Amino acid sequence: EIIGYLPMGGWNECPMPEEMIAVCKYW
């Protein structure tokens, strides 16, 4: 849920924040 505060992503090859938070949960 840290990604909600620091929603990195959405440019170049970086995942979108919505994808980032799901991957962080999985990992």
PDB file of all heavy atoms in Angstrom:
ATOM      1  N   GLU A   1       0.814  -1.210   0.000  1.00  0.00           N
ATOM      2  CA  GLU A   1       0.000   0.000   0.000  1.00  0.00           C
ATOM      3  C   GLU A   1       0.849   1.263   0.000  1.00  0.00           C
ATOM      4  O   GLU A   1       0.328   2.363  -0.217  1.00  0.00           O
ATOM      5  CB  GLU A   1      -0.943  -0.021   1.198  1.00  0.00           C
ATOM      6  CG  GLU A   1      -1.969  -1.136   1.105  1.00  0.00           C
ATOM      7  CD  GLU A   1      -2.792  -1.324   2.370  1.00  0.00           C
ATOM      8  OE1 GLU A   1      -2.418  -0.773   3.424  1.00  0.00           O
ATOM      9  OE2 GLU A   1      -3.815  -2.033   2.307  1.00  0.00           O
ATOM     10  N   ILE A   2       2.154   1.124   0.211  1.00  0.00           N
ATOM     11  CA  ILE A   2       3.076   2.252   0.069  1.00  0.00           C
ATOM     12  C   ILE A   2       2.920   2.907  -1.305  1.00  0.00           C
ATOM     13  O   ILE A   2       3.064   4.126  -1.453  1.00  0.00           O
ATOM     14  CB  ILE A   2       4.534   1.782   0.276  1.00  0.00           C
ATOM     15  CG1 ILE A   2       4.778   1.428   1.754  1.00  0.00           C
ATOM     16  CG2 ILE A   2       5.539   2.838  -0.193  1.00  0.00           C
ATOM     17  CD1 ILE A   2       6.121   0.748   2.001  1.00  0.00           C
ATOM     18  N   ILE A   3       2.597   2.107  -2.320  1.00  0.00           N
ATOM     19  CA  ILE A   3       2.466   2.628  -3.677  1.00  0.00           C
ATOM     20  C   ILE A   3       1.335   3.648  -3.764  1.00  0.00           C
ATOM     21  O   ILE A   3       1.331   4.527  -4.622  1.00  0.00           O
ATOM     22  CB  ILE A   3       2.235   1.481  -4.682  1.00  0.00           C
ATOM     23  CG1 ILE A   3       3.365   0.449  -4.559  1.00  0.00           C
ATOM     24  CG2 ILE A   3       2.162   2.002  -6.111  1.00  0.00           C
ATOM     25  CD1 ILE A   3       4.757   1.012  -4.780  1.00  0.00           C
ATOM     26  N   GLY A   4       0.349   3.559  -2.890  1.00  0.00           N
ATOM     27  CA  GLY A   4      -0.688   4.578  -2.857  1.00  0.00           C
ATOM     28  C   GLY A   4      -0.145   5.942  -2.515  1.00  0.00           C
ATOM     29  O   GLY A   4      -0.648   6.970  -2.973  1.00  0.00           O
ATOM     30  N   TYR A   5       0.902   5.969  -1.711  1.00  0.00           N
ATOM     31  CA  TYR A   5       1.537   7.230  -1.315  1.00  0.00           C
ATOM     32  C   TYR A   5       2.640   7.636  -2.290  1.00  0.00           C
ATOM     33  O   TYR A   5       2.922   8.828  -2.456  1.00  0.00           O
ATOM     34  CB  TYR A   5       2.130   7.091   0.092  1.00  0.00           C
ATOM     35  CG  TYR A   5       1.106   7.117   1.196  1.00  0.00           C
ATOM     36  CD1 TYR A   5       0.237   6.055   1.401  1.00  0.00           C
ATOM     37  CD2 TYR A   5       0.990   8.222   2.045  1.00  0.00           C
ATOM     38  CE1 TYR A   5      -0.709   6.071   2.409  1.00  0.00           C
ATOM     39  CE2 TYR A   5       0.045   8.249   3.062  1.00  0.00           C
ATOM     40  CZ  TYR A   5      -0.806   7.180   3.237  1.00  0.00           C
ATOM     41  OH  TYR A   5      -1.753   7.208   4.236  1.00  0.00           O
ATOM     42  N   LEU A   6       3.266   6.664  -2.912  1.00  0.00           N
ATOM     43  CA  LEU A   6       4.361   6.919  -3.854  1.00  0.00           C
ATOM     44  C   LEU A   6       4.055   6.163  -5.155  1.00  0.00           C
ATOM     45  O   LEU A   6       4.685   5.152  -5.460  1.00  0.00           O
ATOM     46  CB  LEU A   6       5.686   6.443  -3.254  1.00  0.00           C
ATOM     47  CG  LEU A   6       6.157   7.200  -2.016  1.00  0.00           C
ATOM     48  CD1 LEU A   6       7.243   6.427  -1.281  1.00  0.00           C
ATOM     49  CD2 LEU A   6       6.664   8.580  -2.395  1.00  0.00           C
ATOM     50  N   PRO A   7       3.086   6.647  -5.930  1.00  0.00           N
ATOM     51  CA  PRO A   7       2.600   5.915  -7.112  1.00  0.00           C
ATOM     52  C   PRO A   7       3.524   6.044  -8.318  1.00  0.00           C
ATOM     53  O   PRO A   7       3.185   6.628  -9.338  1.00  0.00           O
ATOM     54  CB  PRO A   7       1.246   6.558  -7.372  1.00  0.00           C
ATOM     55  CG  PRO A   7       1.429   7.972  -6.936  1.00  0.00           C
ATOM     56  CD  PRO A   7       2.334   7.905  -5.734  1.00  0.00           C
ATOM     57  N   MET A   8       4.696   5.478  -8.205  1.00  0.00           N
ATOM     58  CA  MET A   8       5.679   5.542  -9.276  1.00  0.00           C
ATOM     59  C   MET A   8       5.190   4.738 -10.474  1.00  0.00           C
ATOM     60  O   MET A   8       4.534   3.706 -10.329  1.00  0.00           O
ATOM     61  CB  MET A   8       7.000   4.960  -8.769  1.00  0.00           C
ATOM     62  CG  MET A   8       8.141   4.976  -9.746  1.00  0.00           C
ATOM     63  SD  MET A   8       9.638   4.321  -8.946  1.00  0.00           S
ATOM     64  CE  MET A   8      10.805   4.543 -10.278  1.00  0.00           C
ATOM     65  N   GLY A   9       5.497   5.188 -11.678  1.00  0.00           N
ATOM     66  CA  GLY A   9       5.233   4.387 -12.855  1.00  0.00           C
ATOM     67  C   GLY A   9       4.419   5.097 -13.918  1.00  0.00           C
ATOM     68  O   GLY A   9       4.034   6.249 -13.781  1.00  0.00           O
ATOM     69  N   GLY A  10       4.204   4.362 -15.015  1.00  0.00           N
ATOM     70  CA  GLY A  10       3.382   4.878 -16.096  1.00  0.00           C
ATOM     71  C   GLY A  10       4.152   5.559 -17.199  1.00  0.00           C
ATOM     72  O   GLY A  10       3.553   6.215 -18.050  1.00  0.00           O
ATOM     73  N   TRP A  11       5.485   5.393 -17.234  1.00  0.00           N
ATOM     74  CA  TRP A  11       6.271   6.005 -18.302  1.00  0.00           C
ATOM     75  C   TRP A  11       7.305   4.978 -18.762  1.00  0.00           C
ATOM     76  O   TRP A  11       7.727   4.113 -18.007  1.00  0.00           O
ATOM     77  CB  TRP A  11       6.963   7.289 -17.824  1.00  0.00           C
ATOM     78  CG  TRP A  11       7.526   7.178 -16.434  1.00  0.00           C
ATOM     79  CD1 TRP A  11       6.916   7.541 -15.281  1.00  0.00           C
ATOM     80  CD2 TRP A  11       8.802   6.658 -16.063  1.00  0.00           C
ATOM     81  NE1 TRP A  11       7.722   7.271 -14.200  1.00  0.00           N
ATOM     82  CE2 TRP A  11       8.890   6.738 -14.653  1.00  0.00           C
ATOM     83  CE3 TRP A  11       9.871   6.138 -16.771  1.00  0.00           C
ATOM     84  CZ2 TRP A  11      10.005   6.300 -13.943  1.00  0.00           C
ATOM     85  CZ3 TRP A  11      10.994   5.706 -16.074  1.00  0.00           C
ATOM     86  CH2 TRP A  11      11.051   5.798 -14.679  1.00  0.00           C
ATOM     87  N   ASN A  12       7.699   5.100 -20.051  1.00  0.00           N
ATOM     88  CA  ASN A  12       8.635   4.147 -20.653  1.00  0.00           C
ATOM     89  C   ASN A  12       8.170   2.716 -20.351  1.00  0.00           C
ATOM     90  O   ASN A  12       7.034   2.377 -20.557  1.00  0.00           O
ATOM     91  CB  ASN A  12      10.064   4.403 -20.183  1.00  0.00           C
ATOM     92  CG  ASN A  12      10.608   5.728 -20.709  1.00  0.00           C
ATOM     93  OD1 ASN A  12      10.006   6.371 -21.561  1.00  0.00           O
ATOM     94  ND2 ASN A  12      11.734   6.149 -20.193  1.00  0.00           N
ATOM     95  N   GLU A  13       9.081   1.880 -19.844  1.00  0.00           N
ATOM     96  CA  GLU A  13       8.741   0.489 -19.548  1.00  0.00           C
ATOM     97  C   GLU A  13       8.279   0.294 -18.107  1.00  0.00           C
ATOM     98  O   GLU A  13       8.021  -0.840 -17.684  1.00  0.00           O
ATOM     99  CB  GLU A  13       9.958  -0.416 -19.817  1.00  0.00           C
ATOM    100  CG  GLU A  13      10.471  -0.397 -21.246  1.00  0.00           C
ATOM    101  CD  GLU A  13       9.508  -1.057 -22.214  1.00  0.00           C
ATOM    102  OE1 GLU A  13       8.649  -1.828 -21.761  1.00  0.00           O
ATOM    103  OE2 GLU A  13       9.620  -0.806 -23.429  1.00  0.00           O
ATOM    104  N   CYS A  14       8.175   1.369 -17.342  1.00  0.00           N
ATOM    105  CA  CYS A  14       7.795   1.262 -15.935  1.00  0.00           C
ATOM    106  C   CYS A  14       6.299   0.961 -15.811  1.00  0.00           C
ATOM    107  O   CYS A  14       5.481   1.642 -16.441  1.00  0.00           O
ATOM    108  CB  CYS A  14       8.130   2.558 -15.205  1.00  0.00           C
ATOM    109  SG  CYS A  14       8.025   2.439 -13.408  1.00  0.00           S
ATOM    110  N   PRO A  15       5.914  -0.050 -15.029  1.00  0.00           N
ATOM    111  CA  PRO A  15       4.485  -0.374 -14.896  1.00  0.00           C
ATOM    112  C   PRO A  15       3.672   0.809 -14.387  1.00  0.00           C
ATOM    113  O   PRO A  15       4.183   1.685 -13.686  1.00  0.00           O
ATOM    114  CB  PRO A  15       4.483  -1.516 -13.860  1.00  0.00           C
ATOM    115  CG  PRO A  15       5.862  -2.084 -13.902  1.00  0.00           C
ATOM    116  CD  PRO A  15       6.771  -0.943 -14.225  1.00  0.00           C
ATOM    117  N   MET A  16       2.402   0.814 -14.711  1.00  0.00           N
ATOM    118  CA  MET A  16       1.489   1.801 -14.164  1.00  0.00           C
ATOM    119  C   MET A  16       1.357   1.590 -12.656  1.00  0.00           C
ATOM    120  O   MET A  16       1.559   0.482 -12.165  1.00  0.00           O
ATOM    121  CB  MET A  16       0.116   1.673 -14.821  1.00  0.00           C
ATOM    122  CG  MET A  16       0.094   1.978 -16.295  1.00  0.00           C
ATOM    123  SD  MET A  16       0.421   3.726 -16.623  1.00  0.00           S
ATOM    124  CE  MET A  16      -1.065   4.483 -15.927  1.00  0.00           C
ATOM    125  N   PRO A  17       1.023   2.649 -11.893  1.00  0.00           N
ATOM    126  CA  PRO A  17       0.865   2.474 -10.440  1.00  0.00           C
ATOM    127  C   PRO A  17      -0.109   1.365 -10.074  1.00  0.00           C
ATOM    128  O   PRO A  17       0.116   0.626  -9.105  1.00  0.00           O
ATOM    129  CB  PRO A  17       0.365   3.846  -9.983  1.00  0.00           C
ATOM    130  CG  PRO A  17       0.911   4.805 -10.988  1.00  0.00           C
ATOM    131  CD  PRO A  17       0.878   4.064 -12.289  1.00  0.00           C
ATOM    132  N   GLU A  18      -1.183   1.207 -10.834  1.00  0.00           N
ATOM    133  CA  GLU A  18      -2.161   0.162 -10.556  1.00  0.00           C
ATOM    134  C   GLU A  18      -1.547  -1.227 -10.734  1.00  0.00           C
ATOM    135  O   GLU A  18      -1.927  -2.181 -10.041  1.00  0.00           O
ATOM    136  CB  GLU A  18      -3.372   0.313 -11.475  1.00  0.00           C
ATOM    137  CG  GLU A  18      -4.194   1.563 -11.239  1.00  0.00           C
ATOM    138  CD  GLU A  18      -3.582   2.815 -11.877  1.00  0.00           C
ATOM    139  OE1 GLU A  18      -2.554   2.691 -12.593  1.00  0.00           O
ATOM    140  OE2 GLU A  18      -4.139   3.901 -11.681  1.00  0.00           O
ATOM    141  N   GLU A  19      -0.618  -1.350 -11.679  1.00  0.00           N
ATOM    142  CA  GLU A  19       0.105  -2.611 -11.860  1.00  0.00           C
ATOM    143  C   GLU A  19       1.175  -2.763 -10.798  1.00  0.00           C
ATOM    144  O   GLU A  19       1.391  -3.862 -10.264  1.00  0.00           O
ATOM    145  CB  GLU A  19       0.739  -2.652 -13.244  1.00  0.00           C
ATOM    146  CG  GLU A  19      -0.239  -2.589 -14.400  1.00  0.00           C
ATOM    147  CD  GLU A  19       0.456  -2.489 -15.737  1.00  0.00           C
ATOM    148  OE1 GLU A  19       1.427  -1.718 -15.869  1.00  0.00           O
ATOM    149  OE2 GLU A  19       0.019  -3.200 -16.657  1.00  0.00           O
ATOM    150  N   MET A  20       1.846  -1.671 -10.496  1.00  0.00           N
ATOM    151  CA  MET A  20       2.924  -1.686  -9.513  1.00  0.00           C
ATOM    152  C   MET A  20       2.443  -2.196  -8.156  1.00  0.00           C
ATOM    153  O   MET A  20       3.082  -3.032  -7.514  1.00  0.00           O
ATOM    154  CB  MET A  20       3.489  -0.270  -9.368  1.00  0.00           C
ATOM    155  CG  MET A  20       4.684  -0.152  -8.452  1.00  0.00           C
ATOM    156  SD  MET A  20       6.239  -0.538  -9.265  1.00  0.00           S
ATOM    157  CE  MET A  20       6.489   0.934 -10.264  1.00  0.00           C
ATOM    158  N   ILE A  21       1.298  -1.710  -7.693  1.00  0.00           N
ATOM    159  CA  ILE A  21       0.816  -2.103  -6.375  1.00  0.00           C
ATOM    160  C   ILE A  21       0.449  -3.582  -6.353  1.00  0.00           C
ATOM    161  O   ILE A  21       0.703  -4.287  -5.363  1.00  0.00           O
ATOM    162  CB  ILE A  21      -0.368  -1.209  -5.930  1.00  0.00           C
ATOM    163  CG1 ILE A  21      -0.683  -1.437  -4.450  1.00  0.00           C
ATOM    164  CG2 ILE A  21      -1.596  -1.431  -6.779  1.00  0.00           C
ATOM    165  CD1 ILE A  21      -1.702  -0.457  -3.899  1.00  0.00           C
ATOM    166  N   ALA A  22      -0.104  -4.103  -7.458  1.00  0.00           N
ATOM    167  CA  ALA A  22      -0.451  -5.520  -7.526  1.00  0.00           C
ATOM    168  C   ALA A  22       0.801  -6.394  -7.516  1.00  0.00           C
ATOM    169  O   ALA A  22       0.833  -7.450  -6.863  1.00  0.00           O
ATOM    170  CB  ALA A  22      -1.287  -5.796  -8.776  1.00  0.00           C
ATOM    171  N   VAL A  23       1.837  -5.979  -8.234  1.00  0.00           N
ATOM    172  CA  VAL A  23       3.091  -6.739  -8.243  1.00  0.00           C
ATOM    173  C   VAL A  23       3.738  -6.715  -6.861  1.00  0.00           C
ATOM    174  O   VAL A  23       4.249  -7.736  -6.383  1.00  0.00           O
ATOM    175  CB  VAL A  23       4.050  -6.180  -9.313  1.00  0.00           C
ATOM    176  CG1 VAL A  23       5.434  -6.823  -9.175  1.00  0.00           C
ATOM    177  CG2 VAL A  23       3.498  -6.425 -10.712  1.00  0.00           C
ATOM    178  N   CYS A  24       3.712  -5.557  -6.202  1.00  0.00           N
ATOM    179  CA  CYS A  24       4.282  -5.463  -4.856  1.00  0.00           C
ATOM    180  C   CYS A  24       3.547  -6.387  -3.884  1.00  0.00           C
ATOM    181  O   CYS A  24       4.169  -7.012  -3.018  1.00  0.00           O
ATOM    182  CB  CYS A  24       4.235  -4.021  -4.356  1.00  0.00           C
ATOM    183  SG  CYS A  24       5.394  -2.914  -5.179  1.00  0.00           S
ATOM    184  N   LYS A  25       2.243  -6.485  -4.028  1.00  0.00           N
ATOM    185  CA  LYS A  25       1.461  -7.398  -3.177  1.00  0.00           C
ATOM    186  C   LYS A  25       1.875  -8.848  -3.443  1.00  0.00           C
ATOM    187  O   LYS A  25       2.102  -9.626  -2.509  1.00  0.00           O
ATOM    188  CB  LYS A  25      -0.030  -7.211  -3.441  1.00  0.00           C
ATOM    189  CG  LYS A  25      -0.941  -8.071  -2.572  1.00  0.00           C
ATOM    190  CD  LYS A  25      -2.411  -7.730  -2.854  1.00  0.00           C
ATOM    191  CE  LYS A  25      -3.342  -8.409  -1.852  1.00  0.00           C
ATOM    192  NZ  LYS A  25      -3.356  -9.880  -1.989  1.00  0.00           N
ATOM    193  N   TYR A  26       1.982  -9.193  -4.701  1.00  0.00           N
ATOM    194  CA  TYR A  26       2.381 -10.553  -5.091  1.00  0.00           C
ATOM    195  C   TYR A  26       3.766 -10.891  -4.551  1.00  0.00           C
ATOM    196  O   TYR A  26       3.981 -11.978  -3.986  1.00  0.00           O
ATOM    197  CB  TYR A  26       2.327 -10.654  -6.612  1.00  0.00           C
ATOM    198  CG  TYR A  26       2.966 -11.875  -7.209  1.00  0.00           C
ATOM    199  CD1 TYR A  26       2.514 -13.156  -6.900  1.00  0.00           C
ATOM    200  CD2 TYR A  26       4.035 -11.751  -8.109  1.00  0.00           C
ATOM    201  CE1 TYR A  26       3.106 -14.282  -7.465  1.00  0.00           C
ATOM    202  CE2 TYR A  26       4.617 -12.862  -8.679  1.00  0.00           C
ATOM    203  CZ  TYR A  26       4.160 -14.127  -8.347  1.00  0.00           C
ATOM    204  OH  TYR A  26       4.747 -15.248  -8.906  1.00  0.00           O
ATOM    205  N   TRP A  27       4.703  -9.981  -4.693  1.00  0.00           N
ATOM    206  CA  TRP A  27       6.066 -10.246  -4.237  1.00  0.00           C
ATOM    207  C   TRP A  27       6.168 -10.293  -2.713  1.00  0.00           C
ATOM    208  O   TRP A  27       6.985 -11.042  -2.174  1.00  0.00           O
ATOM    209  CB  TRP A  27       7.019  -9.202  -4.808  1.00  0.00           C
ATOM    210  CG  TRP A  27       7.449  -9.522  -6.210  1.00  0.00           C
ATOM    211  CD1 TRP A  27       7.242 -10.703  -6.888  1.00  0.00           C
ATOM    212  CD2 TRP A  27       8.174  -8.689  -7.108  1.00  0.00           C
ATOM    213  NE1 TRP A  27       7.785 -10.631  -8.145  1.00  0.00           N
ATOM    214  CE2 TRP A  27       8.370  -9.419  -8.305  1.00  0.00           C
ATOM    215  CE3 TRP A  27       8.673  -7.394  -7.006  1.00  0.00           C
ATOM    216  CZ2 TRP A  27       9.042  -8.881  -9.403  1.00  0.00           C
ATOM    217  CZ3 TRP A  27       9.346  -6.856  -8.093  1.00  0.00           C
ATOM    218  CH2 TRP A  27       9.529  -7.603  -9.282  1.00  0.00           C
TER     219      TRP A  27
END
